[in-house]
N, C-alpha and C. Protein backbone atom coordinates (compact mmCIF):
# COMPACT_ATOMS: atom_id res chain seq x y z
N MET A 1 35.12 2.89 19.71
CA MET A 1 35.13 3.61 18.43
C MET A 1 34.68 2.40 17.29
N PHE A 2 35.31 0.95 17.12
CA PHE A 2 34.75 0.48 16.57
C PHE A 2 33.37 -0.06 16.39
N LEU A 3 32.65 -0.36 17.63
CA LEU A 3 31.27 -0.04 17.92
C LEU A 3 30.40 0.55 17.26
N THR A 4 31.13 2.02 16.87
CA THR A 4 30.25 3.06 16.83
C THR A 4 30.53 2.90 15.26
N LEU A 5 31.50 2.98 14.64
CA LEU A 5 31.32 2.56 12.90
C LEU A 5 30.39 1.22 12.41
N LEU A 6 30.65 0.79 13.48
CA LEU A 6 29.75 -0.73 12.70
C LEU A 6 28.39 -0.29 13.02
N LEU A 7 27.96 0.48 13.96
CA LEU A 7 26.52 0.87 14.20
C LEU A 7 25.97 1.73 13.09
N LEU A 8 27.14 2.69 12.76
CA LEU A 8 26.65 3.99 11.55
C LEU A 8 26.48 2.76 10.43
N THR A 9 27.57 2.01 9.94
CA THR A 9 27.40 0.88 8.34
C THR A 9 25.82 0.41 9.01
N PHE A 10 25.57 -0.39 9.70
CA PHE A 10 23.81 -0.92 9.82
C PHE A 10 22.73 0.54 9.95
N VAL A 11 23.48 1.01 10.79
CA VAL A 11 21.83 2.27 9.78
C VAL A 11 21.80 2.48 8.51
N ARG A 12 23.44 2.90 7.89
CA ARG A 12 23.26 3.64 6.80
C ARG A 12 22.56 2.38 6.07
N VAL A 13 23.07 0.93 6.03
CA VAL A 13 22.29 -0.31 5.39
C VAL A 13 20.79 -0.33 5.36
N SER A 14 20.34 -0.19 7.20
CA SER A 14 19.08 -0.24 6.94
C SER A 14 17.89 0.25 6.70
N LEU A 15 18.67 1.98 6.25
CA LEU A 15 18.10 2.85 5.62
C LEU A 15 17.89 3.01 4.28
N ASN A 16 18.48 2.02 3.60
CA ASN A 16 18.91 2.27 2.17
C ASN A 16 18.53 0.87 1.32
N ALA A 17 17.55 -0.07 2.89
CA ALA A 17 17.49 -1.24 2.08
C ALA A 17 16.51 -1.60 1.08
N SER A 18 16.77 -2.65 0.36
CA SER A 18 15.52 -3.16 -0.41
C SER A 18 15.27 -4.30 -0.89
N GLU A 19 14.31 -4.86 -1.32
CA GLU A 19 14.25 -5.97 -1.75
C GLU A 19 13.08 -6.40 -2.64
N LEU A 20 13.74 -7.34 -3.45
CA LEU A 20 12.57 -7.43 -4.97
C LEU A 20 12.09 -8.90 -4.50
N TYR A 21 10.64 -9.27 -4.80
CA TYR A 21 9.88 -10.60 -4.34
C TYR A 21 9.29 -10.50 -5.59
N LEU A 22 9.68 -11.86 -5.99
CA LEU A 22 8.86 -12.77 -7.70
C LEU A 22 8.11 -13.46 -7.18
N LEU A 23 6.67 -13.13 -7.67
CA LEU A 23 5.83 -14.16 -7.06
C LEU A 23 5.12 -15.09 -8.23
N PRO A 24 4.72 -16.42 -8.02
CA PRO A 24 4.11 -16.64 -6.57
C PRO A 24 4.99 -17.22 -5.95
N GLN A 25 6.91 -17.40 -5.72
CA GLN A 25 7.41 -18.22 -5.53
C GLN A 25 8.28 -17.40 -4.38
N ASP A 26 8.20 -16.27 -4.71
CA ASP A 26 8.36 -15.50 -3.12
C ASP A 26 7.15 -15.45 -2.80
N SER A 27 6.09 -15.60 -2.27
CA SER A 27 4.87 -15.11 -1.98
C SER A 27 4.74 -15.02 -0.15
N SER A 28 4.83 -15.79 0.29
CA SER A 28 5.32 -15.56 1.99
C SER A 28 6.17 -14.65 2.43
N LYS A 29 7.20 -14.32 1.59
CA LYS A 29 8.08 -13.43 1.96
C LYS A 29 7.51 -11.84 1.47
N ALA A 30 6.74 -11.75 0.58
CA ALA A 30 6.40 -10.85 -0.05
C ALA A 30 5.50 -10.35 1.06
N LEU A 31 4.48 -11.28 1.30
CA LEU A 31 3.29 -10.82 2.32
C LEU A 31 4.07 -10.97 3.84
N SER A 32 4.84 -11.03 4.19
CA SER A 32 5.39 -10.92 5.41
C SER A 32 6.04 -9.43 5.24
N ALA A 33 6.87 -9.04 3.99
CA ALA A 33 7.42 -8.17 4.13
C ALA A 33 6.50 -6.32 4.40
N ILE A 34 4.98 -7.27 3.81
CA ILE A 34 4.05 -5.95 3.83
C ILE A 34 3.47 -6.02 5.07
N LEU A 35 3.29 -7.27 6.22
CA LEU A 35 2.90 -7.28 7.16
C LEU A 35 3.56 -6.73 8.18
N LYS A 36 5.02 -7.02 8.07
CA LYS A 36 6.06 -6.49 9.11
C LYS A 36 6.26 -5.25 8.77
N SER A 37 6.06 -4.48 7.82
CA SER A 37 5.72 -2.80 7.87
C SER A 37 4.40 -2.63 8.33
N ILE A 38 3.48 -2.80 8.30
CA ILE A 38 2.28 -2.24 8.88
C ILE A 38 2.51 -2.61 10.28
N ASP A 39 2.87 -3.59 10.97
CA ASP A 39 3.37 -3.91 12.49
C ASP A 39 4.17 -3.20 12.58
N HIS A 40 4.85 -2.68 12.08
CA HIS A 40 6.44 -1.38 12.77
C HIS A 40 6.14 -0.19 12.29
N SER A 41 4.77 0.18 11.91
CA SER A 41 4.58 1.62 11.19
C SER A 41 3.82 2.36 12.83
N HIS A 42 4.63 3.41 12.98
CA HIS A 42 3.82 4.19 14.11
C HIS A 42 3.16 5.59 13.76
N LYS A 43 3.41 5.60 12.58
CA LYS A 43 2.64 7.30 12.29
C LYS A 43 1.49 7.35 11.68
N SER A 44 1.88 6.75 9.93
CA SER A 44 0.73 6.89 8.79
C SER A 44 1.68 5.70 7.48
N ILE A 45 0.36 5.38 7.01
CA ILE A 45 0.24 4.29 6.17
C ILE A 45 -0.54 4.85 4.74
N ARG A 46 -0.02 4.82 3.80
CA ARG A 46 -0.48 5.37 3.24
C ARG A 46 -0.79 4.40 1.65
N ILE A 47 -1.99 4.01 1.41
CA ILE A 47 -2.12 3.26 0.51
C ILE A 47 -2.79 3.68 -0.94
N MET A 48 -2.13 3.07 -2.32
CA MET A 48 -3.24 3.66 -3.63
C MET A 48 -2.87 1.76 -3.99
N ILE A 49 -4.15 1.53 -3.87
CA ILE A 49 -4.39 0.03 -4.35
C ILE A 49 -5.81 0.10 -5.33
N TYR A 50 -5.59 -0.76 -6.46
CA TYR A 50 -6.68 -1.28 -7.42
C TYR A 50 -7.65 -2.29 -6.89
N ASN A 51 -6.85 -3.21 -6.26
CA ASN A 51 -7.89 -4.15 -5.54
C ASN A 51 -7.16 -5.08 -4.57
N PHE A 52 -8.21 -5.07 -3.58
CA PHE A 52 -7.54 -5.67 -2.26
C PHE A 52 -8.81 -6.23 -1.58
N THR A 53 -8.07 -8.00 -1.41
CA THR A 53 -9.42 -8.44 -1.19
C THR A 53 -8.96 -9.58 0.29
N HIS A 54 -7.20 -9.31 0.89
CA HIS A 54 -6.91 -10.28 1.49
C HIS A 54 -6.33 -9.55 2.70
N LYS A 55 -7.69 -10.75 3.44
CA LYS A 55 -8.12 -10.13 4.84
C LYS A 55 -6.90 -10.23 5.92
N LYS A 56 -6.02 -10.68 5.68
CA LYS A 56 -4.48 -10.90 6.85
C LYS A 56 -4.37 -9.32 6.69
N ILE A 57 -3.87 -8.89 5.62
CA ILE A 57 -3.83 -7.28 5.66
C ILE A 57 -4.65 -6.54 5.65
N ALA A 58 -6.06 -6.52 5.46
CA ALA A 58 -6.90 -5.57 6.20
C ALA A 58 -6.94 -5.74 7.72
N LYS A 59 -6.85 -6.92 8.51
CA LYS A 59 -6.79 -6.96 9.93
C LYS A 59 -5.75 -6.29 10.38
N ARG A 60 -4.80 -6.65 10.23
CA ARG A 60 -3.19 -5.63 10.50
C ARG A 60 -3.48 -4.41 10.49
N LEU A 61 -4.01 -3.98 8.99
CA LEU A 61 -4.19 -2.45 9.09
C LEU A 61 -5.22 -2.05 10.42
N LYS A 62 -6.14 -2.83 10.39
CA LYS A 62 -7.29 -2.54 11.45
C LYS A 62 -6.59 -2.29 12.75
N ILE A 63 -6.14 -3.33 13.06
CA ILE A 63 -4.86 -3.33 14.50
C ILE A 63 -3.75 -1.55 14.09
N ALA A 64 -3.71 -2.10 13.48
CA ALA A 64 -2.60 -0.25 13.33
C ALA A 64 -3.30 0.97 13.08
N ALA A 65 -4.37 1.01 13.05
CA ALA A 65 -5.31 1.85 13.13
C ALA A 65 -6.00 2.22 14.53
N LYS A 66 -6.13 1.32 15.43
CA LYS A 66 -6.68 1.11 16.46
C LYS A 66 -5.16 1.45 17.67
N ARG A 67 -3.85 1.14 17.10
CA ARG A 67 -2.66 2.01 17.88
C ARG A 67 -2.77 3.51 17.37
N GLY A 68 -3.20 4.42 16.43
CA GLY A 68 -3.51 5.05 16.31
C GLY A 68 -2.95 5.64 15.35
N VAL A 69 -2.02 4.38 14.39
CA VAL A 69 -1.39 4.83 13.45
C VAL A 69 -2.71 5.65 11.87
N ARG A 70 -2.67 6.55 11.14
CA ARG A 70 -3.46 7.20 10.65
C ARG A 70 -3.24 6.37 9.21
N VAL A 71 -4.44 5.24 8.64
CA VAL A 71 -3.92 4.79 7.56
C VAL A 71 -5.29 5.45 6.17
N GLU A 72 -4.45 6.08 5.43
CA GLU A 72 -5.74 6.34 3.99
C GLU A 72 -5.31 5.35 3.46
N ILE A 73 -6.36 5.25 2.06
CA ILE A 73 -5.91 3.94 1.22
C ILE A 73 -7.29 5.25 -0.23
N ILE A 74 -6.25 4.75 -1.27
CA ILE A 74 -7.40 5.49 -2.42
C ILE A 74 -7.36 4.16 -2.86
N PHE A 75 -8.45 3.82 -3.25
CA PHE A 75 -9.25 2.63 -4.58
C PHE A 75 -9.68 3.56 -5.84
N ASP A 76 -10.04 2.63 -6.80
CA ASP A 76 -10.28 3.20 -7.89
C ASP A 76 -11.59 3.39 -7.35
N GLN A 77 -12.41 4.11 -8.26
CA GLN A 77 -13.59 4.50 -8.32
C GLN A 77 -14.75 2.93 -8.25
N LYS A 78 -14.07 2.08 -9.24
CA LYS A 78 -15.28 1.04 -9.28
C LYS A 78 -15.16 0.26 -8.41
N ASN A 79 -13.95 0.36 -7.82
CA ASN A 79 -13.63 -0.48 -6.91
C ASN A 79 -14.72 -1.55 -5.73
N GLY A 80 -14.75 -2.86 -6.01
CA GLY A 80 -16.11 -3.17 -4.93
C GLY A 80 -17.58 -3.23 -4.93
N ARG A 81 -18.26 -2.12 -6.40
CA ARG A 81 -19.00 -2.27 -6.55
C ARG A 81 -19.95 -3.68 -7.21
N GLU A 82 -19.05 -4.67 -7.87
CA GLU A 82 -19.53 -5.80 -8.28
C GLU A 82 -19.61 -6.83 -7.11
N ASP A 83 -18.44 -6.89 -6.43
CA ASP A 83 -18.65 -7.93 -5.21
C ASP A 83 -18.09 -7.13 -3.72
N LYS A 84 -19.11 -6.45 -3.27
CA LYS A 84 -19.00 -5.66 -1.62
C LYS A 84 -18.56 -6.79 -0.59
N ARG A 85 -18.58 -8.17 -0.77
CA ARG A 85 -18.25 -9.42 0.03
C ARG A 85 -16.67 -9.64 0.03
N ARG A 86 -16.52 -9.43 -0.88
CA ARG A 86 -14.88 -9.58 -1.03
C ARG A 86 -13.66 -8.43 -0.86
N SER A 87 -14.10 -7.15 -1.19
CA SER A 87 -13.64 -6.38 -1.11
C SER A 87 -13.25 -5.60 -0.06
N MET A 88 -12.04 -5.61 0.54
CA MET A 88 -11.74 -4.96 1.62
C MET A 88 -12.08 -3.64 2.18
N LEU A 89 -12.46 -2.58 1.12
CA LEU A 89 -13.08 -1.54 1.30
C LEU A 89 -14.06 -1.33 2.10
N TYR A 90 -15.15 -1.84 1.91
CA TYR A 90 -16.42 -1.76 2.94
C TYR A 90 -15.80 -2.55 4.40
N TYR A 91 -15.33 -3.28 4.43
CA TYR A 91 -14.54 -3.66 5.77
C TYR A 91 -13.50 -2.71 6.30
N LEU A 92 -12.80 -2.27 5.97
CA LEU A 92 -11.72 -1.13 6.83
C LEU A 92 -12.52 0.14 6.96
N ALA A 93 -13.84 0.74 6.16
CA ALA A 93 -14.31 2.45 5.75
C ALA A 93 -14.61 1.98 7.63
N LYS A 94 -15.31 1.01 8.37
CA LYS A 94 -15.92 1.43 9.35
C LYS A 94 -15.38 1.46 10.61
N TYR A 95 -13.94 1.64 10.51
CA TYR A 95 -13.09 1.85 11.60
C TYR A 95 -11.97 3.42 11.87
N LYS A 96 -12.50 3.81 12.92
CA LYS A 96 -11.36 4.78 12.97
C LYS A 96 -10.13 5.03 13.09
N ASN A 97 -9.55 6.32 11.93
CA ASN A 97 -8.23 6.06 12.53
C ASN A 97 -7.89 5.69 10.27
N ILE A 98 -9.04 4.86 9.90
CA ILE A 98 -8.87 4.60 8.47
C ILE A 98 -9.92 5.29 7.45
N PHE A 99 -9.16 5.95 6.58
CA PHE A 99 -9.65 7.26 5.82
C PHE A 99 -9.69 6.28 4.31
N ILE A 100 -10.96 6.18 3.68
CA ILE A 100 -10.55 5.79 2.33
C ILE A 100 -11.27 6.84 1.31
N TYR A 101 -11.09 6.81 -0.04
CA TYR A 101 -11.23 7.53 -1.12
C TYR A 101 -11.30 6.41 -2.34
N LYS A 102 -12.18 7.14 -2.85
CA LYS A 102 -11.91 6.30 -4.50
C LYS A 102 -11.74 7.71 -5.69
N LEU A 103 -11.15 7.02 -6.47
CA LEU A 103 -10.62 8.11 -7.66
C LEU A 103 -10.93 7.47 -8.81
N LYS A 104 -11.66 8.86 -9.64
CA LYS A 104 -12.12 7.91 -10.96
C LYS A 104 -11.28 8.33 -11.92
N GLY A 105 -10.72 7.79 -12.75
CA GLY A 105 -9.89 8.02 -13.80
C GLY A 105 -9.91 8.91 -14.45
N LYS A 106 -9.06 9.38 -15.71
CA LYS A 106 -9.47 10.71 -16.40
C LYS A 106 -10.50 9.97 -18.06
N TYR A 107 -10.72 11.18 -18.24
CA TYR A 107 -12.18 10.68 -18.95
C TYR A 107 -11.59 10.16 -20.58
N ILE A 108 -11.46 9.41 -21.49
CA ILE A 108 -10.89 9.06 -22.50
C ILE A 108 -11.69 9.12 -23.74
N LYS A 109 -11.82 10.47 -23.94
CA LYS A 109 -12.27 10.63 -25.08
C LYS A 109 -12.83 9.28 -26.58
N SER A 110 -11.59 8.78 -26.89
CA SER A 110 -11.78 7.64 -27.73
C SER A 110 -12.35 7.00 -27.57
N GLY A 111 -12.42 6.25 -26.42
CA GLY A 111 -12.93 5.32 -25.58
C GLY A 111 -14.26 5.74 -25.43
N ASP A 112 -14.40 6.53 -24.99
CA ASP A 112 -16.24 7.16 -24.16
C ASP A 112 -16.20 6.57 -22.79
N ARG A 113 -14.95 6.37 -22.41
CA ARG A 113 -15.14 5.86 -21.13
C ARG A 113 -14.27 6.68 -19.95
N TYR A 114 -13.75 6.18 -18.76
CA TYR A 114 -12.53 6.55 -18.13
C TYR A 114 -11.39 5.95 -17.80
N GLY A 115 -10.38 5.99 -17.48
CA GLY A 115 -9.39 4.97 -16.81
C GLY A 115 -9.27 4.79 -15.57
N ILE A 116 -8.13 3.90 -15.45
CA ILE A 116 -8.21 3.52 -13.76
C ILE A 116 -7.42 4.03 -13.02
N MET A 117 -7.82 4.04 -11.42
CA MET A 117 -6.60 3.87 -10.89
C MET A 117 -5.77 2.81 -10.64
N HIS A 118 -4.33 2.25 -11.34
CA HIS A 118 -4.28 1.70 -11.29
C HIS A 118 -2.89 1.15 -10.28
N MET A 119 -2.68 2.17 -9.49
CA MET A 119 -1.49 2.00 -8.42
C MET A 119 -1.45 0.33 -7.78
N LYS A 120 -0.41 -0.04 -7.72
CA LYS A 120 -0.11 -0.98 -6.27
C LYS A 120 0.99 -0.36 -5.55
N SER A 121 0.48 0.51 -4.62
CA SER A 121 1.95 0.91 -3.77
C SER A 121 1.16 0.98 -2.13
N ALA A 122 2.58 1.28 -1.33
CA ALA A 122 2.00 1.40 0.07
C ALA A 122 3.42 2.64 0.02
N ILE A 123 3.12 3.72 1.51
CA ILE A 123 4.27 4.25 2.46
C ILE A 123 4.23 4.12 3.33
N PHE A 124 5.14 3.85 4.46
CA PHE A 124 4.95 3.40 5.53
C PHE A 124 5.73 4.39 6.22
N ASP A 125 5.20 5.27 7.11
CA ASP A 125 5.66 6.48 8.14
C ASP A 125 6.61 7.17 7.06
N HIS A 126 6.46 7.31 6.20
CA HIS A 126 7.03 8.59 4.98
C HIS A 126 8.34 8.22 4.89
N ARG A 127 9.02 7.25 4.60
CA ARG A 127 10.28 6.51 4.82
C ARG A 127 11.06 5.07 3.97
N ARG A 128 9.32 4.06 3.73
CA ARG A 128 9.46 2.95 3.24
C ARG A 128 8.40 2.62 2.34
N VAL A 129 8.69 2.24 1.20
CA VAL A 129 7.78 2.27 -0.05
C VAL A 129 7.71 0.76 -0.52
N ILE A 130 6.34 0.28 -0.97
CA ILE A 130 6.46 -0.99 -1.09
C ILE A 130 5.64 -0.53 -2.63
N PHE A 131 5.81 -1.63 -3.65
CA PHE A 131 5.16 -0.80 -5.16
C PHE A 131 5.43 -2.36 -6.04
N GLY A 132 4.85 -2.45 -6.58
CA GLY A 132 4.56 -3.48 -7.69
C GLY A 132 3.55 -3.31 -8.89
N SER A 133 3.66 -4.80 -9.47
CA SER A 133 2.65 -5.44 -10.00
C SER A 133 1.18 -6.01 -9.21
N ALA A 134 1.43 -6.26 -7.92
CA ALA A 134 0.49 -7.23 -7.13
C ALA A 134 -0.45 -6.27 -6.52
N ASN A 135 -1.61 -6.03 -7.07
CA ASN A 135 -3.13 -6.31 -6.15
C ASN A 135 -2.56 -6.82 -4.60
N TRP A 136 -3.55 -6.66 -3.66
CA TRP A 136 -3.23 -7.01 -2.39
C TRP A 136 -4.39 -8.30 -2.18
N THR A 137 -4.12 -8.95 -2.88
CA THR A 137 -5.59 -10.18 -3.17
C THR A 137 -4.38 -11.65 -3.17
N TYR A 138 -5.32 -12.66 -2.77
CA TYR A 138 -5.13 -13.79 -2.57
C TYR A 138 -4.17 -14.59 -3.89
N SER A 139 -4.93 -14.14 -5.14
CA SER A 139 -4.92 -14.52 -6.03
C SER A 139 -3.07 -14.06 -6.69
N ALA A 140 -3.01 -13.05 -6.43
CA ALA A 140 -1.83 -11.80 -6.45
C ALA A 140 -0.20 -12.86 -5.35
N PHE A 141 -0.72 -13.11 -4.48
CA PHE A 141 0.04 -13.47 -3.71
C PHE A 141 0.66 -15.19 -3.89
N GLY A 142 -1.00 -16.36 -4.43
CA GLY A 142 -0.79 -17.21 -4.63
C GLY A 142 -0.68 -18.10 -6.02
N LYS A 143 -1.38 -17.18 -7.02
CA LYS A 143 -1.18 -18.05 -8.41
C LYS A 143 -0.79 -17.03 -9.26
N ASN A 144 -0.62 -15.77 -9.29
CA ASN A 144 -0.52 -14.74 -10.28
C ASN A 144 1.57 -14.80 -10.26
N TYR A 145 1.61 -14.30 -11.84
CA TYR A 145 3.12 -13.92 -11.33
C TYR A 145 2.90 -12.62 -11.75
N GLU A 146 3.82 -11.77 -10.52
CA GLU A 146 3.54 -10.77 -10.14
C GLU A 146 4.94 -10.59 -9.51
N MET A 147 5.29 -8.92 -8.81
CA MET A 147 6.66 -8.67 -8.31
C MET A 147 6.43 -7.48 -7.53
N LEU A 148 7.07 -7.73 -6.54
CA LEU A 148 6.76 -6.84 -5.55
C LEU A 148 8.31 -5.72 -4.81
N TYR A 149 8.51 -4.88 -4.73
CA TYR A 149 9.58 -4.22 -4.31
C TYR A 149 9.60 -3.49 -3.40
N VAL A 150 10.22 -3.53 -2.51
CA VAL A 150 10.11 -2.68 -0.87
C VAL A 150 11.57 -2.29 -1.17
N GLU A 151 11.80 -0.95 -0.32
CA GLU A 151 12.57 -0.11 -0.30
C GLU A 151 12.83 0.72 1.09
N ASP A 152 13.80 0.88 1.77
CA ASP A 152 13.53 2.20 2.50
C ASP A 152 14.72 3.19 1.95
N ASP A 153 13.75 4.65 1.71
CA ASP A 153 14.37 5.04 1.22
C ASP A 153 13.76 6.73 1.24
N TYR A 154 13.92 7.87 2.18
CA TYR A 154 12.76 8.55 2.35
C TYR A 154 12.65 9.88 1.04
N ALA A 155 13.38 9.89 0.18
CA ALA A 155 13.56 10.37 -0.93
C ALA A 155 12.17 9.70 -1.92
N LYS A 156 12.57 8.51 -2.27
CA LYS A 156 11.47 7.63 -2.70
C LYS A 156 10.06 8.05 -2.14
N ALA A 157 10.19 7.61 -0.96
CA ALA A 157 8.86 7.26 0.06
C ALA A 157 8.26 9.23 -0.54
N LYS A 158 8.93 9.97 -0.35
CA LYS A 158 8.65 11.62 -0.71
C LYS A 158 8.01 11.78 -2.24
N GLN A 159 8.80 11.40 -2.94
CA GLN A 159 7.67 11.07 -3.95
C GLN A 159 6.54 10.62 -4.52
N PHE A 160 6.30 9.30 -3.42
CA PHE A 160 5.32 8.64 -3.22
C PHE A 160 4.66 9.28 -2.99
N GLU A 161 4.88 10.07 -1.94
CA GLU A 161 3.41 10.73 -0.94
C GLU A 161 3.20 11.90 -1.80
N LYS A 162 3.57 12.27 -2.51
CA LYS A 162 3.81 13.86 -3.23
C LYS A 162 2.40 13.44 -4.27
N TYR A 163 2.88 12.41 -5.00
CA TYR A 163 1.69 11.73 -6.39
C TYR A 163 0.27 10.96 -4.95
N PHE A 164 0.58 10.37 -3.61
CA PHE A 164 -1.01 9.94 -3.38
C PHE A 164 -1.69 11.51 -2.92
N GLU A 165 -0.66 12.92 -2.99
CA GLU A 165 -1.72 13.67 -2.25
C GLU A 165 -2.10 14.32 -3.02
N MET A 166 -1.69 14.36 -4.86
CA MET A 166 -2.33 14.97 -6.16
C MET A 166 -3.24 13.84 -6.02
N MET A 167 -3.10 12.78 -6.07
CA MET A 167 -4.52 12.00 -6.47
C MET A 167 -5.88 12.22 -5.56
N LYS A 168 -5.21 12.52 -3.77
CA LYS A 168 -6.14 12.54 -3.11
C LYS A 168 -6.85 13.36 -3.46
N LYS A 169 -6.54 14.52 -3.72
CA LYS A 169 -6.83 15.36 -4.00
C LYS A 169 -8.23 15.44 -4.97
N LYS A 170 -8.01 14.68 -6.34
CA LYS A 170 -8.95 14.16 -6.90
C LYS A 170 -9.79 13.24 -6.59
N SER A 171 -9.31 12.56 -5.57
CA SER A 171 -10.59 12.05 -5.26
C SER A 171 -11.83 12.50 -4.17
N LYS A 172 -12.59 11.30 -4.47
CA LYS A 172 -13.88 11.76 -3.36
C LYS A 172 -13.98 10.48 -1.71
N PRO A 173 -13.95 11.27 -0.72
CA PRO A 173 -14.41 10.34 0.51
C PRO A 173 -15.01 9.28 0.07
N PHE A 174 -14.54 8.00 0.69
CA PHE A 174 -16.00 6.61 0.55
C PHE A 174 -16.88 7.10 1.93
N ARG A 175 -18.09 7.15 1.82
CA ARG A 175 -18.99 6.91 3.11
C ARG A 175 -18.91 8.61 4.10
């Protein structure tokens, strides 16, 4: 009986776990949280990211895709245009099970320009969300003052997924 109660308490805590990382001081812990989330994903990883140049994260996504995990990433329309060598957009687009989309922001009449897709979030297996101010770049994890929040919450993951689907419908597949 005690063991069952202890196990139920652990399951409840682990499903509602949350963690806040303040960068740059928590950079290694934040990066580790992202990498572990990728490594433990079995079904899907859905990412909305403005800028992504971190090779270690990209390599783990490639490995997850090879394991059969469906990886979907929405980038801003302008991402990677200037520096194709650094953006992980081009690196990841060539792998099976990785689907890349580009989203053009809303037109702003007063500025005669388009807004940007500025989200920085990921959903893992429909249950874990990671979001915050940090792009997935070396600067974000090593130099910038940023925050990253991790939460295991099915309801919040569902909210993020609805938003992901809405943005995906407005996006264009890359390549």
